[in-house]
Amino acid sequence: MAVVAERYGLRSFSRLGHADKAVRARFLGPGLWRQDAGKEQCLRMLTPSSRIAHFLIDVTDRDLPDSLKGQRLWLCWEAHRGAGGQRFPSKSTQAALVSDDDWVMHGMLRNRDAELLASEGIAR
């Protein structure tokens, strides 16, 4: 996690803050996150507690390499911003997927997912 905090980050993707969270998760693949007003493209991640998190990003299966399936990644999110709705709509917070192979993918995490993951997420 120290490497994630120093090399990557969330606020303008510069650094993870002390209140931000991260959880180790296994990549399941792309999908659709359903909400009242429609559907959004997402990447589904399985956490150690068997929760499925929806990383909101506009990608499809053809945009991703086959080698990504099943890979273990860090799912990081801004734990304090989404709930207050200060910078982004109150339904989402900034998030990032960080691989062990030194790549990072930026997206959003629904606040509901962030709240459910908070107990198993580790702080920086």
C-alpha atoms as a PDB file:
ATOM      1  CA  MET A   1       0.000   0.000   0.000  1.00  0.00           C
ATOM      2  CA  ALA A   2       2.914   2.372   0.608  1.00  0.00           C
ATOM      3  CA  VAL A   3       3.901   2.074  -3.047  1.00  0.00           C
ATOM      4  CA  VAL A   4       0.353   2.972  -4.078  1.00  0.00           C
ATOM      5  CA  ALA A   5       0.356   5.997  -1.780  1.00  0.00           C
ATOM      6  CA  GLU A   6       3.644   7.317  -3.094  1.00  0.00           C
ATOM      7  CA  ARG A   7       3.436   6.506  -6.791  1.00  0.00           C
ATOM      8  CA  TYR A   8      -0.236   6.854  -7.554  1.00  0.00           C
ATOM      9  CA  GLY A   9      -3.148   8.588  -5.956  1.00  0.00           C
ATOM     10  CA  LEU A  10      -6.561  10.093  -6.199  1.00  0.00           C
ATOM     11  CA  ARG A  11      -6.796  13.847  -5.677  1.00  0.00           C
ATOM     12  CA  SER A  12      -5.949  14.883  -9.194  1.00  0.00           C
ATOM     13  CA  PHE A  13      -4.333  11.464  -9.005  1.00  0.00           C
ATOM     14  CA  SER A  14      -1.388  12.797  -7.078  1.00  0.00           C
ATOM     15  CA  ARG A  15      -1.580  11.013  -3.682  1.00  0.00           C
ATOM     16  CA  LEU A  16      -3.788   8.947  -1.449  1.00  0.00           C
ATOM     17  CA  GLY A  17      -4.780  10.844   1.667  1.00  0.00           C
ATOM     18  CA  HIS A  18      -4.954   9.485   5.192  1.00  0.00           C
ATOM     19  CA  ALA A  19      -8.749   9.119   5.037  1.00  0.00           C
ATOM     20  CA  ASP A  20      -8.743   7.273   1.706  1.00  0.00           C
ATOM     21  CA  LYS A  21      -9.254   3.537   1.490  1.00  0.00           C
ATOM     22  CA  ALA A  22      -7.987   0.608  -0.547  1.00  0.00           C
ATOM     23  CA  VAL A  23      -8.991  -3.021  -0.774  1.00  0.00           C
ATOM     24  CA  ARG A  24      -7.390  -5.925  -2.591  1.00  0.00           C
ATOM     25  CA  ALA A  25      -9.826  -7.311  -5.156  1.00  0.00           C
ATOM     26  CA  ARG A  26      -9.959  -9.801  -8.019  1.00  0.00           C
ATOM     27  CA  PHE A  27     -10.981  -8.526 -11.455  1.00  0.00           C
ATOM     28  CA  LEU A  28     -14.133 -10.292 -12.705  1.00  0.00           C
ATOM     29  CA  GLY A  29     -14.693  -8.433 -15.951  1.00  0.00           C
ATOM     30  CA  PRO A  30     -16.783  -5.690 -17.481  1.00  0.00           C
ATOM     31  CA  GLY A  31     -20.474  -5.356 -16.814  1.00  0.00           C
ATOM     32  CA  LEU A  32     -23.323  -2.922 -16.379  1.00  0.00           C
ATOM     33  CA  TRP A  33     -24.179  -1.196 -13.123  1.00  0.00           C
ATOM     34  CA  ARG A  34     -27.931  -0.778 -12.949  1.00  0.00           C
ATOM     35  CA  GLN A  35     -29.539   2.234 -11.380  1.00  0.00           C
ATOM     36  CA  ASP A  36     -33.009   3.791 -11.436  1.00  0.00           C
ATOM     37  CA  ALA A  37     -32.283   6.029 -14.423  1.00  0.00           C
ATOM     38  CA  GLY A  38     -30.491   3.442 -16.548  1.00  0.00           C
ATOM     39  CA  LYS A  39     -27.241   1.515 -16.828  1.00  0.00           C
ATOM     40  CA  GLU A  40     -23.589   2.492 -16.656  1.00  0.00           C
ATOM     41  CA  GLN A  41     -20.602   0.532 -17.893  1.00  0.00           C
ATOM     42  CA  CYS A  42     -18.343  -0.742 -15.143  1.00  0.00           C
ATOM     43  CA  LEU A  43     -15.657  -3.215 -14.216  1.00  0.00           C
ATOM     44  CA  ARG A  44     -16.703  -5.714 -11.572  1.00  0.00           C
ATOM     45  CA  MET A  45     -14.299  -6.508  -8.760  1.00  0.00           C
ATOM     46  CA  LEU A  46     -14.637  -9.270  -6.136  1.00  0.00           C
ATOM     47  CA  THR A  47     -13.369  -8.380  -2.655  1.00  0.00           C
ATOM     48  CA  PRO A  48     -12.121 -10.808   0.024  1.00  0.00           C
ATOM     49  CA  SER A  49     -15.511 -10.629   1.782  1.00  0.00           C
ATOM     50  CA  SER A  50     -17.215 -11.769  -1.471  1.00  0.00           C
ATOM     51  CA  ARG A  51     -18.680  -8.334  -2.190  1.00  0.00           C
ATOM     52  CA  ILE A  52     -18.831  -7.192  -5.782  1.00  0.00           C
ATOM     53  CA  ALA A  53     -17.694  -3.608  -6.306  1.00  0.00           C
ATOM     54  CA  HIS A  54     -18.578  -1.709  -9.461  1.00  0.00           C
ATOM     55  CA  PHE A  55     -15.741   0.448 -10.778  1.00  0.00           C
ATOM     56  CA  LEU A  56     -17.481   2.889 -13.111  1.00  0.00           C
ATOM     57  CA  ILE A  57     -15.546   3.438 -16.318  1.00  0.00           C
ATOM     58  CA  ASP A  58     -16.508   3.546 -19.971  1.00  0.00           C
ATOM     59  CA  VAL A  59     -14.823   0.362 -21.250  1.00  0.00           C
ATOM     60  CA  THR A  60     -16.085  -2.855 -22.768  1.00  0.00           C
ATOM     61  CA  ASP A  61     -14.736  -6.386 -22.962  1.00  0.00           C
ATOM     62  CA  ARG A  62     -13.029  -5.680 -26.303  1.00  0.00           C
ATOM     63  CA  ASP A  63     -11.102  -2.778 -24.702  1.00  0.00           C
ATOM     64  CA  LEU A  64      -9.413  -5.039 -22.139  1.00  0.00           C
ATOM     65  CA  PRO A  65      -6.697  -7.666 -22.520  1.00  0.00           C
ATOM     66  CA  ASP A  66      -7.696 -11.248 -21.714  1.00  0.00           C
ATOM     67  CA  SER A  67      -4.843 -11.430 -19.206  1.00  0.00           C
ATOM     68  CA  LEU A  68      -6.686  -8.979 -16.930  1.00  0.00           C
ATOM     69  CA  LYS A  69      -9.383 -11.502 -16.012  1.00  0.00           C
ATOM     70  CA  GLY A  70      -8.795 -12.958 -12.571  1.00  0.00           C
ATOM     71  CA  GLN A  71      -5.933 -10.570 -11.830  1.00  0.00           C
ATOM     72  CA  ARG A  72      -5.643  -9.234  -8.276  1.00  0.00           C
ATOM     73  CA  LEU A  73      -5.611  -5.442  -8.052  1.00  0.00           C
ATOM     74  CA  TRP A  74      -5.886  -2.659  -5.503  1.00  0.00           C
ATOM     75  CA  LEU A  75      -9.204  -0.814  -5.627  1.00  0.00           C
ATOM     76  CA  CYS A  76      -8.580   2.623  -4.087  1.00  0.00           C
ATOM     77  CA  TRP A  77     -11.123   5.370  -3.456  1.00  0.00           C
ATOM     78  CA  GLU A  78     -11.538   8.790  -1.932  1.00  0.00           C
ATOM     79  CA  ALA A  79     -13.378   7.844   1.219  1.00  0.00           C
ATOM     80  CA  HIS A  80     -14.260  11.343   2.386  1.00  0.00           C
ATOM     81  CA  ARG A  81     -15.266  13.166  -0.823  1.00  0.00           C
ATOM     82  CA  GLY A  82     -18.172  11.248  -2.278  1.00  0.00           C
ATOM     83  CA  ALA A  83     -20.436  11.440   0.733  1.00  0.00           C
ATOM     84  CA  GLY A  84     -20.174  15.228   0.945  1.00  0.00           C
ATOM     85  CA  GLY A  85     -20.676  15.746  -2.766  1.00  0.00           C
ATOM     86  CA  GLN A  86     -18.156  18.573  -2.747  1.00  0.00           C
ATOM     87  CA  ARG A  87     -16.292  18.015  -6.004  1.00  0.00           C
ATOM     88  CA  PHE A  88     -18.357  15.345  -7.695  1.00  0.00           C
ATOM     89  CA  PRO A  89     -21.996  14.298  -7.674  1.00  0.00           C
ATOM     90  CA  SER A  90     -22.920  12.858  -4.313  1.00  0.00           C
ATOM     91  CA  LYS A  91     -23.594   9.443  -5.846  1.00  0.00           C
ATOM     92  CA  SER A  92     -19.940   8.742  -6.738  1.00  0.00           C
ATOM     93  CA  THR A  93     -16.395   9.268  -5.582  1.00  0.00           C
ATOM     94  CA  GLN A  94     -13.079   9.169  -7.436  1.00  0.00           C
ATOM     95  CA  ALA A  95     -11.426   5.773  -7.568  1.00  0.00           C
ATOM     96  CA  ALA A  96      -8.459   4.018  -9.112  1.00  0.00           C
ATOM     97  CA  LEU A  97      -7.457   0.455  -9.915  1.00  0.00           C
ATOM     98  CA  VAL A  98      -3.767  -0.152  -9.313  1.00  0.00           C
ATOM     99  CA  SER A  99      -2.058  -3.286 -10.572  1.00  0.00           C
ATOM    100  CA  ASP A 100       1.022  -5.053  -9.316  1.00  0.00           C
ATOM    101  CA  ASP A 101       2.424  -4.469 -12.836  1.00  0.00           C
ATOM    102  CA  ASP A 102       2.624  -0.683 -12.273  1.00  0.00           C
ATOM    103  CA  TRP A 103      -0.393   0.517 -14.227  1.00  0.00           C
ATOM    104  CA  VAL A 104      -3.310   2.515 -12.924  1.00  0.00           C
ATOM    105  CA  MET A 105      -6.839   2.996 -14.270  1.00  0.00           C
ATOM    106  CA  HIS A 106      -8.948   5.939 -13.125  1.00  0.00           C
ATOM    107  CA  GLY A 107     -12.711   5.823 -12.678  1.00  0.00           C
ATOM    108  CA  MET A 108     -15.464   6.306 -10.139  1.00  0.00           C
ATOM    109  CA  LEU A 109     -16.953   4.202  -7.357  1.00  0.00           C
ATOM    110  CA  ARG A 110     -20.573   4.526  -6.291  1.00  0.00           C
ATOM    111  CA  ASN A 111     -20.865   5.789  -2.722  1.00  0.00           C
ATOM    112  CA  ARG A 112     -23.017   2.790  -1.836  1.00  0.00           C
ATOM    113  CA  ASP A 113     -20.186   0.451  -2.831  1.00  0.00           C
ATOM    114  CA  ALA A 114     -17.671   2.642  -0.974  1.00  0.00           C
ATOM    115  CA  GLU A 115     -19.755   2.518   2.201  1.00  0.00           C
ATOM    116  CA  LEU A 116     -20.117  -1.266   2.006  1.00  0.00           C
ATOM    117  CA  LEU A 117     -16.377  -1.695   1.393  1.00  0.00           C
ATOM    118  CA  ALA A 118     -15.268   0.721   4.116  1.00  0.00           C
ATOM    119  CA  SER A 119     -15.115  -1.941   6.808  1.00  0.00           C
ATOM    120  CA  GLU A 120     -12.777  -4.177   4.802  1.00  0.00           C
ATOM    121  CA  GLY A 121     -10.784  -1.386   3.163  1.00  0.00           C
ATOM    122  CA  ILE A 122      -7.503  -0.352   4.699  1.00  0.00           C
ATOM    123  CA  ALA A 123      -6.549   3.252   5.229  1.00  0.00           C
ATOM    124  CA  ARG A 124      -3.306   4.547   3.865  1.00  0.00           C
END
